Amino acid sequence: MVWIKKTFFIEDNLPETPLFKVSEDNYTYLYCTDNRDSEEQVLNNFFCAVAAHNYTGVKCEEVFST
């Protein structure tokens, strides 16, 4: 079995939806794009909702930054 040691993404290839999975990790992890260029994007951002409402059971870790 092959495991990913380091994750990287090509920004132009990221999906339009903010939540996605990848086959390279056997669809194990849920990835979330964190685009916050406008107020609307902040209000509709999964990461912001998790942080603002102190949801439990979800761990967010930044794996890509421009």
PDB file of N, CA and C in Angstrom:
ATOM      1  N   MET A   1       0.835  -1.172   0.000  1.00  0.00           N
ATOM      2  CA  MET A   1       0.000   0.000   0.000  1.00  0.00           C
ATOM      3  C   MET A   1       0.888   1.246   0.000  1.00  0.00           C
ATOM      4  N   VAL A   2       0.533   2.240  -0.787  1.00  0.00           N
ATOM      5  CA  VAL A   2       1.294   3.481  -0.894  1.00  0.00           C
ATOM      6  C   VAL A   2       0.558   4.582  -0.137  1.00  0.00           C
ATOM      7  N   TRP A   3       1.292   5.321   0.677  1.00  0.00           N
ATOM      8  CA  TRP A   3       0.711   6.425   1.434  1.00  0.00           C
ATOM      9  C   TRP A   3       1.322   7.740   0.975  1.00  0.00           C
ATOM     10  N   ILE A   4       0.515   8.775   0.955  1.00  0.00           N
ATOM     11  CA  ILE A   4       1.003  10.102   0.588  1.00  0.00           C
ATOM     12  C   ILE A   4       1.871  10.632   1.720  1.00  0.00           C
ATOM     13  N   LYS A   5       3.064  11.123   1.379  1.00  0.00           N
ATOM     14  CA  LYS A   5       3.947  11.687   2.386  1.00  0.00           C
ATOM     15  C   LYS A   5       3.811  13.197   2.457  1.00  0.00           C
ATOM     16  N   LYS A   6       3.510  13.831   1.328  1.00  0.00           N
ATOM     17  CA  LYS A   6       3.348  15.271   1.302  1.00  0.00           C
ATOM     18  C   LYS A   6       2.285  15.595   0.258  1.00  0.00           C
ATOM     19  N   THR A   7       1.318  16.394   0.652  1.00  0.00           N
ATOM     20  CA  THR A   7       0.232  16.753  -0.245  1.00  0.00           C
ATOM     21  C   THR A   7       0.525  18.097  -0.892  1.00  0.00           C
ATOM     22  N   PHE A   8       0.251  18.192  -2.179  1.00  0.00           N
ATOM     23  CA  PHE A   8       0.327  19.487  -2.837  1.00  0.00           C
ATOM     24  C   PHE A   8      -0.752  19.556  -3.895  1.00  0.00           C
ATOM     25  N   PHE A   9      -1.196  20.760  -4.177  1.00  0.00           N
ATOM     26  CA  PHE A   9      -2.268  20.972  -5.129  1.00  0.00           C
ATOM     27  C   PHE A   9      -1.872  22.058  -6.120  1.00  0.00           C
ATOM     28  N   ILE A  10      -2.340  21.927  -7.317  1.00  0.00           N
ATOM     29  CA  ILE A  10      -2.177  22.972  -8.331  1.00  0.00           C
ATOM     30  C   ILE A  10      -3.453  23.803  -8.273  1.00  0.00           C
ATOM     31  N   GLU A  11      -3.314  25.040  -7.881  1.00  0.00           N
ATOM     32  CA  GLU A  11      -4.479  25.880  -7.598  1.00  0.00           C
ATOM     33  C   GLU A  11      -5.470  25.933  -8.756  1.00  0.00           C
ATOM     34  N   ASP A  12      -4.989  26.009  -9.979  1.00  0.00           N
ATOM     35  CA  ASP A  12      -5.881  26.080 -11.137  1.00  0.00           C
ATOM     36  C   ASP A  12      -6.668  24.789 -11.352  1.00  0.00           C
ATOM     37  N   ASN A  13      -6.226  23.679 -10.768  1.00  0.00           N
ATOM     38  CA  ASN A  13      -6.902  22.393 -10.926  1.00  0.00           C
ATOM     39  C   ASN A  13      -7.865  22.060  -9.793  1.00  0.00           C
ATOM     40  N   LEU A  14      -7.965  22.936  -8.794  1.00  0.00           N
ATOM     41  CA  LEU A  14      -8.878  22.671  -7.684  1.00  0.00           C
ATOM     42  C   LEU A  14     -10.315  22.777  -8.172  1.00  0.00           C
ATOM     43  N   PRO A  15     -11.217  21.989  -7.598  1.00  0.00           N
ATOM     44  CA  PRO A  15     -12.611  22.009  -8.048  1.00  0.00           C
ATOM     45  C   PRO A  15     -13.324  23.292  -7.640  1.00  0.00           C
ATOM     46  N   GLU A  16     -14.454  23.544  -8.273  1.00  0.00           N
ATOM     47  CA  GLU A  16     -15.265  24.717  -7.937  1.00  0.00           C
ATOM     48  C   GLU A  16     -15.876  24.577  -6.544  1.00  0.00           C
ATOM     49  N   THR A  17     -16.179  23.353  -6.140  1.00  0.00           N
ATOM     50  CA  THR A  17     -16.772  23.134  -4.824  1.00  0.00           C
ATOM     51  C   THR A  17     -15.700  23.233  -3.750  1.00  0.00           C
ATOM     52  N   PRO A  18     -16.033  23.739  -2.576  1.00  0.00           N
ATOM     53  CA  PRO A  18     -15.009  23.911  -1.547  1.00  0.00           C
ATOM     54  C   PRO A  18     -14.576  22.613  -0.873  1.00  0.00           C
ATOM     55  N   LEU A  19     -15.407  21.568  -0.884  1.00  0.00           N
ATOM     56  CA  LEU A  19     -15.059  20.299  -0.256  1.00  0.00           C
ATOM     57  C   LEU A  19     -14.815  19.242  -1.323  1.00  0.00           C
ATOM     58  N   PHE A  20     -13.731  18.487  -1.175  1.00  0.00           N
ATOM     59  CA  PHE A  20     -13.429  17.461  -2.157  1.00  0.00           C
ATOM     60  C   PHE A  20     -12.517  16.398  -1.552  1.00  0.00           C
ATOM     61  N   LYS A  21     -12.433  15.253  -2.215  1.00  0.00           N
ATOM     62  CA  LYS A  21     -11.530  14.163  -1.846  1.00  0.00           C
ATOM     63  C   LYS A  21     -10.670  13.829  -3.059  1.00  0.00           C
ATOM     64  N   VAL A  22      -9.566  13.130  -2.814  1.00  0.00           N
ATOM     65  CA  VAL A  22      -8.669  12.758  -3.912  1.00  0.00           C
ATOM     66  C   VAL A  22      -8.390  11.257  -3.875  1.00  0.00           C
ATOM     67  N   SER A  23      -8.205  10.691  -5.042  1.00  0.00           N
ATOM     68  CA  SER A  23      -7.954   9.250  -5.133  1.00  0.00           C
ATOM     69  C   SER A  23      -6.579   8.875  -4.592  1.00  0.00           C
ATOM     70  N   GLU A  24      -5.640   9.806  -4.603  1.00  0.00           N
ATOM     71  CA  GLU A  24      -4.269   9.502  -4.175  1.00  0.00           C
ATOM     72  C   GLU A  24      -4.174   9.074  -2.718  1.00  0.00           C
ATOM     73  N   ASP A  25      -5.130   9.465  -1.880  1.00  0.00           N
ATOM     74  CA  ASP A  25      -5.116   8.999  -0.488  1.00  0.00           C
ATOM     75  C   ASP A  25      -6.277   8.036  -0.235  1.00  0.00           C
ATOM     76  N   ASN A  26      -6.737   7.392  -1.299  1.00  0.00           N
ATOM     77  CA  ASN A  26      -7.819   6.420  -1.239  1.00  0.00           C
ATOM     78  C   ASN A  26      -9.107   7.056  -0.703  1.00  0.00           C
ATOM     79  N   TYR A  27      -9.297   8.319  -1.029  1.00  0.00           N
ATOM     80  CA  TYR A  27     -10.489   9.072  -0.619  1.00  0.00           C
ATOM     81  C   TYR A  27     -10.680   9.062   0.897  1.00  0.00           C
ATOM     82  N   THR A  28      -9.581   9.074   1.637  1.00  0.00           N
ATOM     83  CA  THR A  28      -9.632   9.008   3.093  1.00  0.00           C
ATOM     84  C   THR A  28      -9.938  10.358   3.725  1.00  0.00           C
ATOM     85  N   TYR A  29      -9.264  11.405   3.283  1.00  0.00           N
ATOM     86  CA  TYR A  29      -9.402  12.721   3.894  1.00  0.00           C
ATOM     87  C   TYR A  29     -10.340  13.606   3.088  1.00  0.00           C
ATOM     88  N   LEU A  30     -10.964  14.530   3.776  1.00  0.00           N
ATOM     89  CA  LEU A  30     -11.828  15.525   3.150  1.00  0.00           C
ATOM     90  C   LEU A  30     -11.032  16.822   3.095  1.00  0.00           C
ATOM     91  N   TYR A  31     -10.846  17.357   1.906  1.00  0.00           N
ATOM     92  CA  TYR A  31     -10.097  18.597   1.723  1.00  0.00           C
ATOM     93  C   TYR A  31     -11.070  19.749   1.511  1.00  0.00           C
ATOM     94  N   CYS A  32     -10.647  20.929   1.916  1.00  0.00           N
ATOM     95  CA  CYS A  32     -11.496  22.110   1.827  1.00  0.00           C
ATOM     96  C   CYS A  32     -10.669  23.268   1.285  1.00  0.00           C
ATOM     97  N   THR A  33     -11.134  23.874   0.205  1.00  0.00           N
ATOM     98  CA  THR A  33     -10.469  25.081  -0.275  1.00  0.00           C
ATOM     99  C   THR A  33     -10.927  26.235   0.603  1.00  0.00           C
ATOM    100  N   ASP A  34     -10.055  27.161   0.842  1.00  0.00           N
ATOM    101  CA  ASP A  34     -10.340  28.276   1.741  1.00  0.00           C
ATOM    102  C   ASP A  34     -10.183  29.581   0.976  1.00  0.00           C
ATOM    103  N   ASN A  35     -11.128  29.838   0.087  1.00  0.00           N
ATOM    104  CA  ASN A  35     -11.103  31.067  -0.707  1.00  0.00           C
ATOM    105  C   ASN A  35     -11.937  32.121  -0.004  1.00  0.00           C
ATOM    106  N   ARG A  36     -11.285  33.186   0.441  1.00  0.00           N
ATOM    107  CA  ARG A  36     -11.999  34.244   1.150  1.00  0.00           C
ATOM    108  C   ARG A  36     -11.628  35.601   0.568  1.00  0.00           C
ATOM    109  N   ASP A  37     -11.938  35.780  -0.692  1.00  0.00           N
ATOM    110  CA  ASP A  37     -11.620  37.038  -1.353  1.00  0.00           C
ATOM    111  C   ASP A  37     -12.746  38.062  -1.247  1.00  0.00           C
ATOM    112  N   SER A  38     -13.940  37.602  -0.888  1.00  0.00           N
ATOM    113  CA  SER A  38     -15.079  38.514  -0.775  1.00  0.00           C
ATOM    114  C   SER A  38     -15.882  38.164   0.470  1.00  0.00           C
ATOM    115  N   GLU A  39     -16.771  39.055   0.879  1.00  0.00           N
ATOM    116  CA  GLU A  39     -17.604  38.803   2.053  1.00  0.00           C
ATOM    117  C   GLU A  39     -18.501  37.580   1.841  1.00  0.00           C
ATOM    118  N   GLU A  40     -19.005  37.400   0.634  1.00  0.00           N
ATOM    119  CA  GLU A  40     -19.845  36.246   0.333  1.00  0.00           C
ATOM    120  C   GLU A  40     -19.069  34.943   0.516  1.00  0.00           C
ATOM    121  N   GLN A  41     -17.804  34.933   0.101  1.00  0.00           N
ATOM    122  CA  GLN A  41     -16.988  33.727   0.249  1.00  0.00           C
ATOM    123  C   GLN A  41     -16.725  33.433   1.721  1.00  0.00           C
ATOM    124  N   VAL A  42     -16.574  34.455   2.536  1.00  0.00           N
ATOM    125  CA  VAL A  42     -16.381  34.252   3.979  1.00  0.00           C
ATOM    126  C   VAL A  42     -17.628  33.620   4.578  1.00  0.00           C
ATOM    127  N   LEU A  43     -18.803  34.142   4.230  1.00  0.00           N
ATOM    128  CA  LEU A  43     -20.062  33.638   4.777  1.00  0.00           C
ATOM    129  C   LEU A  43     -20.361  32.209   4.340  1.00  0.00           C
ATOM    130  N   ASN A  44     -19.871  31.804   3.174  1.00  0.00           N
ATOM    131  CA  ASN A  44     -20.144  30.471   2.643  1.00  0.00           C
ATOM    132  C   ASN A  44     -18.951  29.523   2.783  1.00  0.00           C
ATOM    133  N   ASN A  45     -18.017  29.858   3.654  1.00  0.00           N
ATOM    134  CA  ASN A  45     -16.789  29.096   3.775  1.00  0.00           C
ATOM    135  C   ASN A  45     -16.904  28.032   4.867  1.00  0.00           C
ATOM    136  N   PHE A  46     -16.641  26.786   4.515  1.00  0.00           N
ATOM    137  CA  PHE A  46     -16.733  25.669   5.458  1.00  0.00           C
ATOM    138  C   PHE A  46     -15.788  25.859   6.637  1.00  0.00           C
ATOM    139  N   PHE A  47     -14.553  26.204   6.362  1.00  0.00           N
ATOM    140  CA  PHE A  47     -13.547  26.399   7.417  1.00  0.00           C
ATOM    141  C   PHE A  47     -14.005  27.473   8.402  1.00  0.00           C
ATOM    142  N   CYS A  48     -14.548  28.578   7.892  1.00  0.00           N
ATOM    143  CA  CYS A  48     -15.014  29.656   8.761  1.00  0.00           C
ATOM    144  C   CYS A  48     -16.184  29.197   9.630  1.00  0.00           C
ATOM    145  N   ALA A  49     -17.076  28.395   9.070  1.00  0.00           N
ATOM    146  CA  ALA A  49     -18.222  27.890   9.830  1.00  0.00           C
ATOM    147  C   ALA A  49     -17.752  26.991  10.967  1.00  0.00           C
ATOM    148  N   VAL A  50     -16.792  26.124  10.698  1.00  0.00           N
ATOM    149  CA  VAL A  50     -16.267  25.233  11.730  1.00  0.00           C
ATOM    150  C   VAL A  50     -15.643  26.055  12.852  1.00  0.00           C
ATOM    151  N   ALA A  51     -14.829  27.046  12.505  1.00  0.00           N
ATOM    152  CA  ALA A  51     -14.157  27.867  13.510  1.00  0.00           C
ATOM    153  C   ALA A  51     -15.140  28.745  14.284  1.00  0.00           C
ATOM    154  N   ALA A  52     -16.083  29.361  13.596  1.00  0.00           N
ATOM    155  CA  ALA A  52     -17.004  30.301  14.235  1.00  0.00           C
ATOM    156  C   ALA A  52     -17.979  29.620  15.184  1.00  0.00           C
ATOM    157  N   HIS A  53     -18.369  28.396  14.871  1.00  0.00           N
ATOM    158  CA  HIS A  53     -19.382  27.710  15.678  1.00  0.00           C
ATOM    159  C   HIS A  53     -18.802  26.668  16.619  1.00  0.00           C
ATOM    160  N   ASN A  54     -17.468  26.597  16.671  1.00  0.00           N
ATOM    161  CA  ASN A  54     -16.790  25.637  17.555  1.00  0.00           C
ATOM    162  C   ASN A  54     -17.311  24.212  17.373  1.00  0.00           C
ATOM    163  N   TYR A  55     -17.506  23.818  16.117  1.00  0.00           N
ATOM    164  CA  TYR A  55     -17.946  22.449  15.847  1.00  0.00           C
ATOM    165  C   TYR A  55     -16.888  21.466  16.341  1.00  0.00           C
ATOM    166  N   THR A  56     -17.335  20.345  16.849  1.00  0.00           N
ATOM    167  CA  THR A  56     -16.407  19.314  17.309  1.00  0.00           C
ATOM    168  C   THR A  56     -16.433  18.152  16.320  1.00  0.00           C
ATOM    169  N   GLY A  57     -15.410  17.344  16.366  1.00  0.00           N
ATOM    170  CA  GLY A  57     -15.334  16.193  15.483  1.00  0.00           C
ATOM    171  C   GLY A  57     -14.718  16.506  14.138  1.00  0.00           C
ATOM    172  N   VAL A  58     -14.306  17.742  13.935  1.00  0.00           N
ATOM    173  CA  VAL A  58     -13.680  18.149  12.681  1.00  0.00           C
ATOM    174  C   VAL A  58     -12.345  18.792  13.018  1.00  0.00           C
ATOM    175  N   LYS A  59     -11.277  18.303  12.406  1.00  0.00           N
ATOM    176  CA  LYS A  59      -9.955  18.880  12.603  1.00  0.00           C
ATOM    177  C   LYS A  59      -9.500  19.484  11.284  1.00  0.00           C
ATOM    178  N   CYS A  60      -9.160  20.750  11.292  1.00  0.00           N
ATOM    179  CA  CYS A  60      -8.684  21.417  10.077  1.00  0.00           C
ATOM    180  C   CYS A  60      -7.184  21.638  10.184  1.00  0.00           C
ATOM    181  N   GLU A  61      -6.514  21.335   9.095  1.00  0.00           N
ATOM    182  CA  GLU A  61      -5.066  21.515   9.023  1.00  0.00           C
ATOM    183  C   GLU A  61      -4.733  22.127   7.673  1.00  0.00           C
ATOM    184  N   GLU A  62      -3.998  23.245   7.683  1.00  0.00           N
ATOM    185  CA  GLU A  62      -3.635  23.883   6.415  1.00  0.00           C
ATOM    186  C   GLU A  62      -2.566  23.041   5.723  1.00  0.00           C
ATOM    187  N   VAL A  63      -2.852  22.690   4.474  1.00  0.00           N
ATOM    188  CA  VAL A  63      -1.882  21.898   3.725  1.00  0.00           C
ATOM    189  C   VAL A  63      -1.408  22.617   2.472  1.00  0.00           C
ATOM    190  N   PHE A  64      -2.005  23.752   2.147  1.00  0.00           N
ATOM    191  CA  PHE A  64      -1.636  24.472   0.947  1.00  0.00           C
ATOM    192  C   PHE A  64      -1.871  25.957   1.162  1.00  0.00           C
ATOM    193  N   SER A  65      -0.909  26.751   0.828  1.00  0.00           N
ATOM    194  CA  SER A  65      -1.052  28.190   0.969  1.00  0.00           C
ATOM    195  C   SER A  65      -0.362  28.872  -0.205  1.00  0.00           C
ATOM    196  N   THR A  66      -1.019  29.906  -0.746  1.00  0.00           N
ATOM    197  CA  THR A  66      -0.399  30.608  -1.866  1.00  0.00           C
ATOM    198  C   THR A  66       0.460  31.745  -1.370  1.00  0.00           C
TER     199      THR A  66
END
